[in-house]
């Protein structure tokens, strides 16, 4: 991969995230809340560490965001029945309703990307999955 490819990858990530965030903000949300509610709706209750990893957030920022989401009745915290020391986060009914609206906004952005990429959309998805998996793998070169 060339230096230019690395630069372009960063540029595309920023532009894609900004476009998604703009669409979600117009619908009353943002990328971080959308990622959190997407995870919680798919998996059910999750510990903060799993939410932080999925939402790509550091613990202090996630904690503040979850506090705001609890205040907005989008998520709630409950003690884990299996490990009483651990707290799980769940989507509320209001959170699931908000996610449904935000998913429509996200779908519009996906459609825009599909229009740009045409038949290459699936190939890009596969390449990004492979790259992500390879970068997270312990077998990936580090230097």
C-alpha atoms as a PDB file:
ATOM      1  CA  UNK A   1       0.000   0.000   0.000  1.00  0.00           C
ATOM      2  CA  UNK A   2       1.400   3.377  -0.959  1.00  0.00           C
ATOM      3  CA  UNK A   3       1.680   6.491   1.188  1.00  0.00           C
ATOM      4  CA  UNK A   4      -1.017   8.020  -0.998  1.00  0.00           C
ATOM      5  CA  UNK A   5      -3.331   5.074  -0.309  1.00  0.00           C
ATOM      6  CA  UNK A   6      -2.837   5.571   3.435  1.00  0.00           C
ATOM      7  CA  UNK A   7      -3.626   9.278   3.065  1.00  0.00           C
ATOM      8  CA  UNK A   8      -6.704   8.519   0.969  1.00  0.00           C
ATOM      9  CA  UNK A   9      -7.918   5.946   3.487  1.00  0.00           C
ATOM     10  CA  UNK A  10      -7.743   8.593   6.226  1.00  0.00           C
ATOM     11  CA  UNK A  11      -9.437  11.175   4.022  1.00  0.00           C
ATOM     12  CA  UNK A  12     -12.277   8.795   3.131  1.00  0.00           C
ATOM     13  CA  UNK A  13     -12.776   7.784   6.777  1.00  0.00           C
ATOM     14  CA  UNK A  14     -13.075  11.431   7.841  1.00  0.00           C
ATOM     15  CA  UNK A  15     -15.410  12.360   4.994  1.00  0.00           C
ATOM     16  CA  UNK A  16     -17.602   9.273   5.458  1.00  0.00           C
ATOM     17  CA  UNK A  17     -17.880   9.804   9.220  1.00  0.00           C
ATOM     18  CA  UNK A  18     -18.693  13.494   8.714  1.00  0.00           C
ATOM     19  CA  UNK A  19     -21.380  12.713   6.135  1.00  0.00           C
ATOM     20  CA  UNK A  20     -22.908  10.090   8.441  1.00  0.00           C
ATOM     21  CA  UNK A  21     -22.748  12.404  11.452  1.00  0.00           C
ATOM     22  CA  UNK A  22     -24.396  15.234   9.488  1.00  0.00           C
ATOM     23  CA  UNK A  23     -27.254  12.928   8.440  1.00  0.00           C
ATOM     24  CA  UNK A  24     -27.696  11.614  11.979  1.00  0.00           C
ATOM     25  CA  UNK A  25     -27.611  15.114  13.507  1.00  0.00           C
ATOM     26  CA  UNK A  26     -30.359  16.172  11.089  1.00  0.00           C
ATOM     27  CA  UNK A  27     -32.369  13.249  12.513  1.00  0.00           C
ATOM     28  CA  UNK A  28     -31.626  14.219  16.138  1.00  0.00           C
ATOM     29  CA  UNK A  29     -28.665  11.942  16.905  1.00  0.00           C
ATOM     30  CA  UNK A  30     -24.979  11.518  16.220  1.00  0.00           C
ATOM     31  CA  UNK A  31     -22.557   8.810  15.152  1.00  0.00           C
ATOM     32  CA  UNK A  32     -21.556   7.814  18.678  1.00  0.00           C
ATOM     33  CA  UNK A  33     -25.136   7.412  19.911  1.00  0.00           C
ATOM     34  CA  UNK A  34     -26.067   5.529  16.727  1.00  0.00           C
ATOM     35  CA  UNK A  35     -23.158   3.104  17.179  1.00  0.00           C
ATOM     36  CA  UNK A  36     -24.035   2.527  20.835  1.00  0.00           C
ATOM     37  CA  UNK A  37     -27.724   1.908  20.234  1.00  0.00           C
ATOM     38  CA  UNK A  38     -26.955  -0.306  17.224  1.00  0.00           C
ATOM     39  CA  UNK A  39     -24.804  -2.543  19.399  1.00  0.00           C
ATOM     40  CA  UNK A  40     -27.256  -2.655  22.298  1.00  0.00           C
ATOM     41  CA  UNK A  41     -30.179  -3.435  20.023  1.00  0.00           C
ATOM     42  CA  UNK A  42     -28.278  -6.265  18.324  1.00  0.00           C
ATOM     43  CA  UNK A  43     -26.716  -7.839  21.422  1.00  0.00           C
ATOM     44  CA  UNK A  44     -28.853  -6.757  24.343  1.00  0.00           C
ATOM     45  CA  UNK A  45     -27.110  -5.598  27.489  1.00  0.00           C
ATOM     46  CA  UNK A  46     -23.388  -4.967  27.174  1.00  0.00           C
ATOM     47  CA  UNK A  47     -20.640  -3.942  29.580  1.00  0.00           C
ATOM     48  CA  UNK A  48     -19.060  -0.525  29.086  1.00  0.00           C
ATOM     49  CA  UNK A  49     -15.854  -2.080  27.725  1.00  0.00           C
ATOM     50  CA  UNK A  50     -17.722  -3.749  24.834  1.00  0.00           C
ATOM     51  CA  UNK A  51     -19.633  -0.546  24.125  1.00  0.00           C
ATOM     52  CA  UNK A  52     -16.422   1.506  24.136  1.00  0.00           C
ATOM     53  CA  UNK A  53     -14.751  -0.862  21.682  1.00  0.00           C
ATOM     54  CA  UNK A  54     -17.741  -0.940  19.325  1.00  0.00           C
ATOM     55  CA  UNK A  55     -18.334   2.828  19.451  1.00  0.00           C
ATOM     56  CA  UNK A  56     -14.603   3.586  19.067  1.00  0.00           C
ATOM     57  CA  UNK A  57     -14.613   5.736  22.206  1.00  0.00           C
ATOM     58  CA  UNK A  58     -12.295   6.083  25.168  1.00  0.00           C
ATOM     59  CA  UNK A  59     -13.814   5.308  28.582  1.00  0.00           C
ATOM     60  CA  UNK A  60     -14.093   8.921  29.881  1.00  0.00           C
ATOM     61  CA  UNK A  61     -15.929  10.160  26.772  1.00  0.00           C
ATOM     62  CA  UNK A  62     -18.156   7.078  26.713  1.00  0.00           C
ATOM     63  CA  UNK A  63     -19.047   7.541  30.376  1.00  0.00           C
ATOM     64  CA  UNK A  64     -20.186  11.129  29.799  1.00  0.00           C
ATOM     65  CA  UNK A  65     -22.115  10.158  26.677  1.00  0.00           C
ATOM     66  CA  UNK A  66     -23.867   7.256  28.424  1.00  0.00           C
ATOM     67  CA  UNK A  67     -24.796   9.619  31.277  1.00  0.00           C
ATOM     68  CA  UNK A  68     -26.437  11.953  28.735  1.00  0.00           C
ATOM     69  CA  UNK A  69     -28.147   9.012  27.024  1.00  0.00           C
ATOM     70  CA  UNK A  70     -29.498   7.795  30.385  1.00  0.00           C
ATOM     71  CA  UNK A  71     -30.843  11.314  31.073  1.00  0.00           C
ATOM     72  CA  UNK A  72     -32.516  11.289  27.632  1.00  0.00           C
ATOM     73  CA  UNK A  73     -34.011   7.842  28.394  1.00  0.00           C
ATOM     74  CA  UNK A  74     -32.209   6.236  25.424  1.00  0.00           C
ATOM     75  CA  UNK A  75     -30.316   3.690  27.538  1.00  0.00           C
ATOM     76  CA  UNK A  76     -30.386   2.381  31.074  1.00  0.00           C
ATOM     77  CA  UNK A  77     -27.862   0.771  33.365  1.00  0.00           C
ATOM     78  CA  UNK A  78     -28.504  -2.473  35.230  1.00  0.00           C
ATOM     79  CA  UNK A  79     -26.350  -4.632  37.461  1.00  0.00           C
ATOM     80  CA  UNK A  80     -25.298  -7.840  35.705  1.00  0.00           C
ATOM     81  CA  UNK A  81     -27.208 -10.739  37.287  1.00  0.00           C
ATOM     82  CA  UNK A  82     -24.241 -13.106  36.751  1.00  0.00           C
ATOM     83  CA  UNK A  83     -21.560 -10.753  38.064  1.00  0.00           C
ATOM     84  CA  UNK A  84     -23.034  -8.238  40.503  1.00  0.00           C
ATOM     85  CA  UNK A  85     -19.850  -6.120  40.309  1.00  0.00           C
ATOM     86  CA  UNK A  86     -20.457  -5.392  36.614  1.00  0.00           C
ATOM     87  CA  UNK A  87     -22.931  -2.913  35.125  1.00  0.00           C
ATOM     88  CA  UNK A  88     -24.596  -3.549  31.774  1.00  0.00           C
ATOM     89  CA  UNK A  89     -26.118  -0.969  29.467  1.00  0.00           C
ATOM     90  CA  UNK A  90     -29.400  -1.646  27.662  1.00  0.00           C
ATOM     91  CA  UNK A  91     -31.357   0.257  25.013  1.00  0.00           C
ATOM     92  CA  UNK A  92     -34.724   1.543  26.224  1.00  0.00           C
ATOM     93  CA  UNK A  93     -37.898   1.542  24.125  1.00  0.00           C
ATOM     94  CA  UNK A  94     -37.233   5.219  23.412  1.00  0.00           C
ATOM     95  CA  UNK A  95     -33.663   4.344  22.401  1.00  0.00           C
ATOM     96  CA  UNK A  96     -34.929   1.693  19.975  1.00  0.00           C
ATOM     97  CA  UNK A  97     -37.365   4.226  18.488  1.00  0.00           C
ATOM     98  CA  UNK A  98     -34.565   6.775  18.064  1.00  0.00           C
ATOM     99  CA  UNK A  99     -32.381   4.115  16.458  1.00  0.00           C
ATOM    100  CA  UNK A 100     -35.106   3.305  13.920  1.00  0.00           C
ATOM    101  CA  UNK A 101     -35.126   6.970  12.836  1.00  0.00           C
ATOM    102  CA  UNK A 102     -31.333   7.143  12.790  1.00  0.00           C
ATOM    103  CA  UNK A 103     -31.090   3.911  10.790  1.00  0.00           C
ATOM    104  CA  UNK A 104     -33.115   5.605   8.024  1.00  0.00           C
ATOM    105  CA  UNK A 105     -30.600   8.466   7.995  1.00  0.00           C
ATOM    106  CA  UNK A 106     -27.693   5.994   7.907  1.00  0.00           C
ATOM    107  CA  UNK A 107     -29.355   4.057   5.060  1.00  0.00           C
ATOM    108  CA  UNK A 108     -29.489   7.257   3.022  1.00  0.00           C
ATOM    109  CA  UNK A 109     -25.738   7.688   3.455  1.00  0.00           C
ATOM    110  CA  UNK A 110     -25.130   4.026   2.530  1.00  0.00           C
ATOM    111  CA  UNK A 111     -27.201   4.570  -0.617  1.00  0.00           C
ATOM    112  CA  UNK A 112     -25.053   7.592  -1.508  1.00  0.00           C
ATOM    113  CA  UNK A 113     -21.921   5.487  -1.131  1.00  0.00           C
ATOM    114  CA  UNK A 114     -23.524   2.755  -3.216  1.00  0.00           C
ATOM    115  CA  UNK A 115     -24.243   5.270  -5.979  1.00  0.00           C
ATOM    116  CA  UNK A 116     -20.607   6.366  -5.952  1.00  0.00           C
ATOM    117  CA  UNK A 117     -19.170   2.833  -5.910  1.00  0.00           C
ATOM    118  CA  UNK A 118     -21.763   1.004  -7.968  1.00  0.00           C
ATOM    119  CA  UNK A 119     -20.941  -2.683  -8.336  1.00  0.00           C
ATOM    120  CA  UNK A 120     -17.710  -2.230  -6.330  1.00  0.00           C
ATOM    121  CA  UNK A 121     -19.638  -1.718  -3.066  1.00  0.00           C
ATOM    122  CA  UNK A 122     -19.483  -5.396  -2.038  1.00  0.00           C
ATOM    123  CA  UNK A 123     -15.808  -5.626  -2.987  1.00  0.00           C
ATOM    124  CA  UNK A 124     -14.999  -2.601  -0.815  1.00  0.00           C
ATOM    125  CA  UNK A 125     -16.939  -4.107   2.101  1.00  0.00           C
ATOM    126  CA  UNK A 126     -14.924  -7.323   1.792  1.00  0.00           C
ATOM    127  CA  UNK A 127     -11.586  -5.492   1.500  1.00  0.00           C
ATOM    128  CA  UNK A 128     -12.342  -3.365   4.549  1.00  0.00           C
ATOM    129  CA  UNK A 129     -13.360  -6.451   6.562  1.00  0.00           C
ATOM    130  CA  UNK A 130     -10.117  -8.196   5.590  1.00  0.00           C
ATOM    131  CA  UNK A 131      -8.027  -5.139   6.431  1.00  0.00           C
ATOM    132  CA  UNK A 132      -9.769  -4.639   9.778  1.00  0.00           C
ATOM    133  CA  UNK A 133      -9.418  -8.296  10.700  1.00  0.00           C
ATOM    134  CA  UNK A 134      -5.773  -8.356   9.615  1.00  0.00           C
ATOM    135  CA  UNK A 135      -4.925  -5.245  11.604  1.00  0.00           C
ATOM    136  CA  UNK A 136      -6.568  -6.679  14.741  1.00  0.00           C
ATOM    137  CA  UNK A 137      -4.992 -10.097  14.319  1.00  0.00           C
ATOM    138  CA  UNK A 138      -1.983 -10.970  16.437  1.00  0.00           C
ATOM    139  CA  UNK A 139      -0.410 -12.334  13.242  1.00  0.00           C
ATOM    140  CA  UNK A 140      -0.412  -8.904  11.570  1.00  0.00           C
ATOM    141  CA  UNK A 141       3.015  -7.378  10.982  1.00  0.00           C
ATOM    142  CA  UNK A 142       3.750  -4.563  13.428  1.00  0.00           C
ATOM    143  CA  UNK A 143       6.706  -2.946  11.840  1.00  0.00           C
END
